[in-house]
C-alpha cells in the first residue's frame, strides 16, 4: 500500500467514525424515517462542515434543518449547506 493509499484509508476511517458519532447523536432527534439524503464533508483542521447534494433513492434532504442540528451539536464549527 502506498503512502497516499494509506492516507486515504485513514481519512475514510476517521470520516466513518465522525459519521457514526453524528448518526448516534442525531438519531433520537430524527428517528428511523429516511427524509432524504446528501453529502456531508467535514474538515477538522478548519472546523468546517458542508452539506450538499441528494440521494438517488431518497431525494434531497432538508439541508437547512440538517445544518441547524449539526450547528447545535458542533457550535464551534462553521456549518454551511447548498441546495444546488
N, C-alpha and C. Protein backbone atom coordinates (compact mmCIF):
# COMPACT_ATOMS: atom_id res chain seq x y z
N UNK A 1 0.85 -1.18 0.00
CA UNK A 1 0.00 0.00 0.00
C UNK A 1 0.89 1.24 0.00
N UNK A 2 0.58 2.19 -0.88
CA UNK A 2 1.37 3.41 -0.95
C UNK A 2 0.99 4.35 0.20
N UNK A 3 1.82 5.37 0.42
CA UNK A 3 1.52 6.36 1.46
C UNK A 3 0.20 7.07 1.17
N UNK A 4 -0.05 7.40 -0.12
CA UNK A 4 -1.31 8.06 -0.49
C UNK A 4 -2.51 7.17 -0.21
N UNK A 5 -2.40 5.88 -0.53
CA UNK A 5 -3.50 4.96 -0.26
C UNK A 5 -3.74 4.83 1.24
N UNK A 6 -2.68 4.78 2.02
CA UNK A 6 -2.81 4.68 3.47
C UNK A 6 -3.46 5.94 4.02
N UNK A 7 -3.05 7.13 3.52
CA UNK A 7 -3.65 8.39 3.95
C UNK A 7 -5.14 8.41 3.63
N UNK A 8 -5.51 8.03 2.40
CA UNK A 8 -6.92 7.99 2.00
C UNK A 8 -7.71 7.05 2.89
N UNK A 9 -7.14 5.88 3.17
CA UNK A 9 -7.83 4.91 4.02
C UNK A 9 -8.04 5.46 5.42
N UNK A 10 -7.02 6.13 5.96
CA UNK A 10 -7.14 6.72 7.30
C UNK A 10 -8.19 7.82 7.32
N UNK A 11 -8.23 8.65 6.28
CA UNK A 11 -9.24 9.72 6.22
C UNK A 11 -10.64 9.14 6.17
N UNK A 12 -10.82 8.10 5.35
CA UNK A 12 -12.13 7.47 5.25
C UNK A 12 -12.53 6.89 6.59
N UNK A 13 -11.61 6.24 7.28
CA UNK A 13 -11.93 5.66 8.59
C UNK A 13 -12.31 6.74 9.59
N UNK A 14 -11.59 7.84 9.62
CA UNK A 14 -11.93 8.94 10.53
C UNK A 14 -13.29 9.52 10.17
N UNK A 15 -13.55 9.68 8.86
CA UNK A 15 -14.85 10.20 8.44
C UNK A 15 -15.97 9.26 8.85
N UNK A 16 -15.76 7.96 8.69
CA UNK A 16 -16.78 7.00 9.10
C UNK A 16 -17.03 7.07 10.60
N UNK A 17 -15.98 7.25 11.38
CA UNK A 17 -16.13 7.40 12.83
C UNK A 17 -16.93 8.65 13.14
N UNK A 18 -16.65 9.75 12.43
CA UNK A 18 -17.39 11.00 12.64
C UNK A 18 -18.86 10.82 12.27
N UNK A 19 -19.12 10.17 11.14
CA UNK A 19 -20.49 9.96 10.70
C UNK A 19 -21.24 9.10 11.69
N UNK A 20 -20.60 8.05 12.19
CA UNK A 20 -21.24 7.18 13.17
C UNK A 20 -21.59 7.96 14.43
N UNK A 21 -20.68 8.82 14.88
CA UNK A 21 -20.93 9.63 16.07
C UNK A 21 -22.11 10.57 15.84
N UNK A 22 -22.12 11.25 14.70
CA UNK A 22 -23.21 12.18 14.38
C UNK A 22 -24.53 11.42 14.27
N UNK A 23 -24.52 10.27 13.60
CA UNK A 23 -25.74 9.46 13.47
C UNK A 23 -26.28 9.08 14.84
N UNK A 24 -25.40 8.66 15.74
CA UNK A 24 -25.84 8.26 17.08
C UNK A 24 -26.43 9.45 17.84
N UNK A 25 -25.83 10.63 17.67
CA UNK A 25 -26.32 11.81 18.38
C UNK A 25 -27.62 12.34 17.80
N UNK A 26 -27.79 12.25 16.48
CA UNK A 26 -28.97 12.81 15.84
C UNK A 26 -30.15 11.84 15.77
N UNK A 27 -29.91 10.55 15.90
CA UNK A 27 -30.96 9.56 15.76
C UNK A 27 -32.14 9.82 16.70
N UNK A 28 -31.91 10.15 17.98
CA UNK A 28 -33.07 10.42 18.85
C UNK A 28 -33.90 11.61 18.37
N UNK A 29 -33.28 12.56 17.68
CA UNK A 29 -34.00 13.73 17.18
C UNK A 29 -34.74 13.43 15.88
N UNK A 30 -34.19 12.54 15.07
CA UNK A 30 -34.71 12.30 13.73
C UNK A 30 -35.52 11.03 13.60
N UNK A 31 -35.28 10.06 14.46
CA UNK A 31 -35.97 8.79 14.34
C UNK A 31 -35.38 7.94 13.23
N UNK A 32 -36.14 6.95 12.79
CA UNK A 32 -35.65 5.99 11.81
C UNK A 32 -36.14 6.27 10.39
N UNK A 33 -37.02 7.24 10.20
CA UNK A 33 -37.56 7.53 8.88
C UNK A 33 -36.53 8.28 8.04
N UNK A 34 -36.31 7.82 6.82
CA UNK A 34 -35.38 8.50 5.90
C UNK A 34 -36.13 9.67 5.26
N UNK A 35 -35.61 10.87 5.46
CA UNK A 35 -36.27 12.08 4.95
C UNK A 35 -35.59 12.64 3.72
N UNK A 36 -34.52 12.01 3.28
CA UNK A 36 -33.77 12.46 2.12
C UNK A 36 -32.30 12.15 2.34
N UNK A 37 -31.49 12.56 1.41
CA UNK A 37 -30.07 12.26 1.52
C UNK A 37 -29.23 13.42 1.05
N UNK A 38 -27.94 13.21 1.06
CA UNK A 38 -27.00 14.22 0.62
C UNK A 38 -25.60 13.83 1.03
N UNK A 39 -24.71 14.77 0.93
CA UNK A 39 -23.30 14.54 1.26
C UNK A 39 -22.90 15.55 2.32
N UNK A 40 -22.15 15.08 3.29
CA UNK A 40 -21.61 15.96 4.33
C UNK A 40 -20.10 15.83 4.29
N UNK A 41 -19.42 16.96 4.09
CA UNK A 41 -17.97 16.97 4.16
C UNK A 41 -17.57 17.61 5.48
N UNK A 42 -16.48 17.12 6.04
CA UNK A 42 -16.02 17.56 7.35
C UNK A 42 -14.52 17.79 7.30
N UNK A 43 -14.09 18.96 7.74
CA UNK A 43 -12.66 19.27 7.82
C UNK A 43 -12.36 19.70 9.25
N UNK A 44 -11.75 18.81 10.00
CA UNK A 44 -11.49 19.09 11.41
C UNK A 44 -10.41 20.15 11.59
N UNK A 45 -9.51 20.30 10.62
CA UNK A 45 -8.47 21.32 10.74
C UNK A 45 -9.05 22.73 10.67
N UNK A 46 -9.96 22.96 9.73
CA UNK A 46 -10.57 24.29 9.59
C UNK A 46 -11.89 24.39 10.34
N UNK A 47 -12.31 23.29 10.95
CA UNK A 47 -13.57 23.22 11.70
C UNK A 47 -14.75 23.68 10.83
N UNK A 48 -14.86 23.03 9.66
CA UNK A 48 -15.96 23.32 8.74
C UNK A 48 -16.70 22.04 8.38
N UNK A 49 -17.98 22.18 8.18
CA UNK A 49 -18.85 21.10 7.72
C UNK A 49 -19.71 21.68 6.61
N UNK A 50 -19.79 20.98 5.46
CA UNK A 50 -20.61 21.43 4.34
C UNK A 50 -21.58 20.32 3.96
N UNK A 51 -22.83 20.71 3.76
CA UNK A 51 -23.90 19.77 3.43
C UNK A 51 -24.42 20.12 2.04
N UNK A 52 -24.53 19.12 1.16
CA UNK A 52 -24.99 19.39 -0.21
C UNK A 52 -25.43 18.09 -0.86
N UNK A 53 -25.99 18.20 -2.05
CA UNK A 53 -26.33 17.03 -2.86
C UNK A 53 -27.63 16.37 -2.46
N UNK A 54 -27.87 15.21 -3.05
CA UNK A 54 -29.09 14.47 -2.79
C UNK A 54 -28.84 12.98 -2.99
N UNK A 55 -29.77 12.19 -2.52
CA UNK A 55 -29.73 10.75 -2.70
C UNK A 55 -30.51 10.37 -3.95
N UNK A 56 -29.96 9.48 -4.75
CA UNK A 56 -30.70 8.99 -5.93
C UNK A 56 -31.96 8.24 -5.51
N UNK A 57 -31.92 7.62 -4.35
CA UNK A 57 -33.05 6.82 -3.87
C UNK A 57 -34.06 7.67 -3.11
N UNK A 58 -33.59 8.54 -2.21
CA UNK A 58 -34.47 9.26 -1.29
C UNK A 58 -34.68 10.73 -1.64
N UNK A 59 -33.98 11.23 -2.64
CA UNK A 59 -34.10 12.64 -2.98
C UNK A 59 -33.27 13.51 -2.04
N UNK A 60 -33.56 14.80 -2.05
CA UNK A 60 -32.78 15.75 -1.26
C UNK A 60 -33.39 15.91 0.13
N UNK A 61 -32.55 15.87 1.13
CA UNK A 61 -32.97 16.14 2.49
C UNK A 61 -33.14 17.64 2.69
N UNK A 62 -33.73 18.02 3.78
CA UNK A 62 -33.84 19.42 4.15
C UNK A 62 -32.48 19.84 4.73
N UNK A 63 -31.60 20.35 3.87
CA UNK A 63 -30.24 20.66 4.31
C UNK A 63 -30.20 21.77 5.35
N UNK A 64 -31.16 22.69 5.32
CA UNK A 64 -31.21 23.75 6.33
C UNK A 64 -31.46 23.15 7.71
N UNK A 65 -32.37 22.19 7.78
CA UNK A 65 -32.66 21.53 9.06
C UNK A 65 -31.45 20.71 9.52
N UNK A 66 -30.80 20.03 8.58
CA UNK A 66 -29.61 19.26 8.93
C UNK A 66 -28.53 20.19 9.46
N UNK A 67 -28.32 21.32 8.79
CA UNK A 67 -27.30 22.28 9.24
C UNK A 67 -27.62 22.79 10.64
N UNK A 68 -28.89 23.07 10.90
CA UNK A 68 -29.28 23.56 12.23
C UNK A 68 -28.95 22.54 13.31
N UNK A 69 -29.26 21.28 13.06
CA UNK A 69 -28.98 20.23 14.03
C UNK A 69 -27.47 20.07 14.25
N UNK A 70 -26.71 20.14 13.18
CA UNK A 70 -25.26 19.99 13.30
C UNK A 70 -24.66 21.19 14.02
N UNK A 71 -25.17 22.39 13.75
CA UNK A 71 -24.68 23.59 14.46
C UNK A 71 -24.91 23.48 15.96
N UNK A 72 -26.05 22.91 16.34
CA UNK A 72 -26.34 22.72 17.76
C UNK A 72 -25.37 21.72 18.39
N UNK A 73 -25.05 20.67 17.65
CA UNK A 73 -24.15 19.64 18.17
C UNK A 73 -22.69 20.07 18.13
N UNK A 74 -22.33 20.93 17.17
CA UNK A 74 -20.93 21.37 16.98
C UNK A 74 -20.88 22.89 16.88
N UNK A 75 -21.11 23.61 17.98
CA UNK A 75 -21.20 25.07 17.92
C UNK A 75 -19.90 25.78 17.54
N UNK A 76 -18.78 25.10 17.67
CA UNK A 76 -17.50 25.73 17.32
C UNK A 76 -17.12 25.52 15.85
N UNK A 77 -18.02 24.90 15.06
CA UNK A 77 -17.77 24.67 13.64
C UNK A 77 -18.54 25.67 12.79
N UNK A 78 -18.00 25.99 11.61
CA UNK A 78 -18.74 26.73 10.60
C UNK A 78 -19.47 25.70 9.75
N UNK A 79 -20.78 25.74 9.76
CA UNK A 79 -21.61 24.77 9.03
C UNK A 79 -22.33 25.49 7.90
N UNK A 80 -22.13 25.00 6.67
CA UNK A 80 -22.78 25.58 5.50
C UNK A 80 -23.55 24.50 4.76
N UNK A 81 -24.50 24.94 3.92
CA UNK A 81 -25.23 23.99 3.08
C UNK A 81 -25.56 24.64 1.75
N UNK A 82 -25.83 23.79 0.77
CA UNK A 82 -26.14 24.24 -0.58
C UNK A 82 -27.19 23.30 -1.14
N UNK A 83 -28.27 23.84 -1.64
CA UNK A 83 -29.35 23.03 -2.20
C UNK A 83 -29.26 22.88 -3.70
N UNK A 84 -28.10 23.21 -4.30
CA UNK A 84 -27.94 23.08 -5.75
C UNK A 84 -27.40 21.74 -6.11
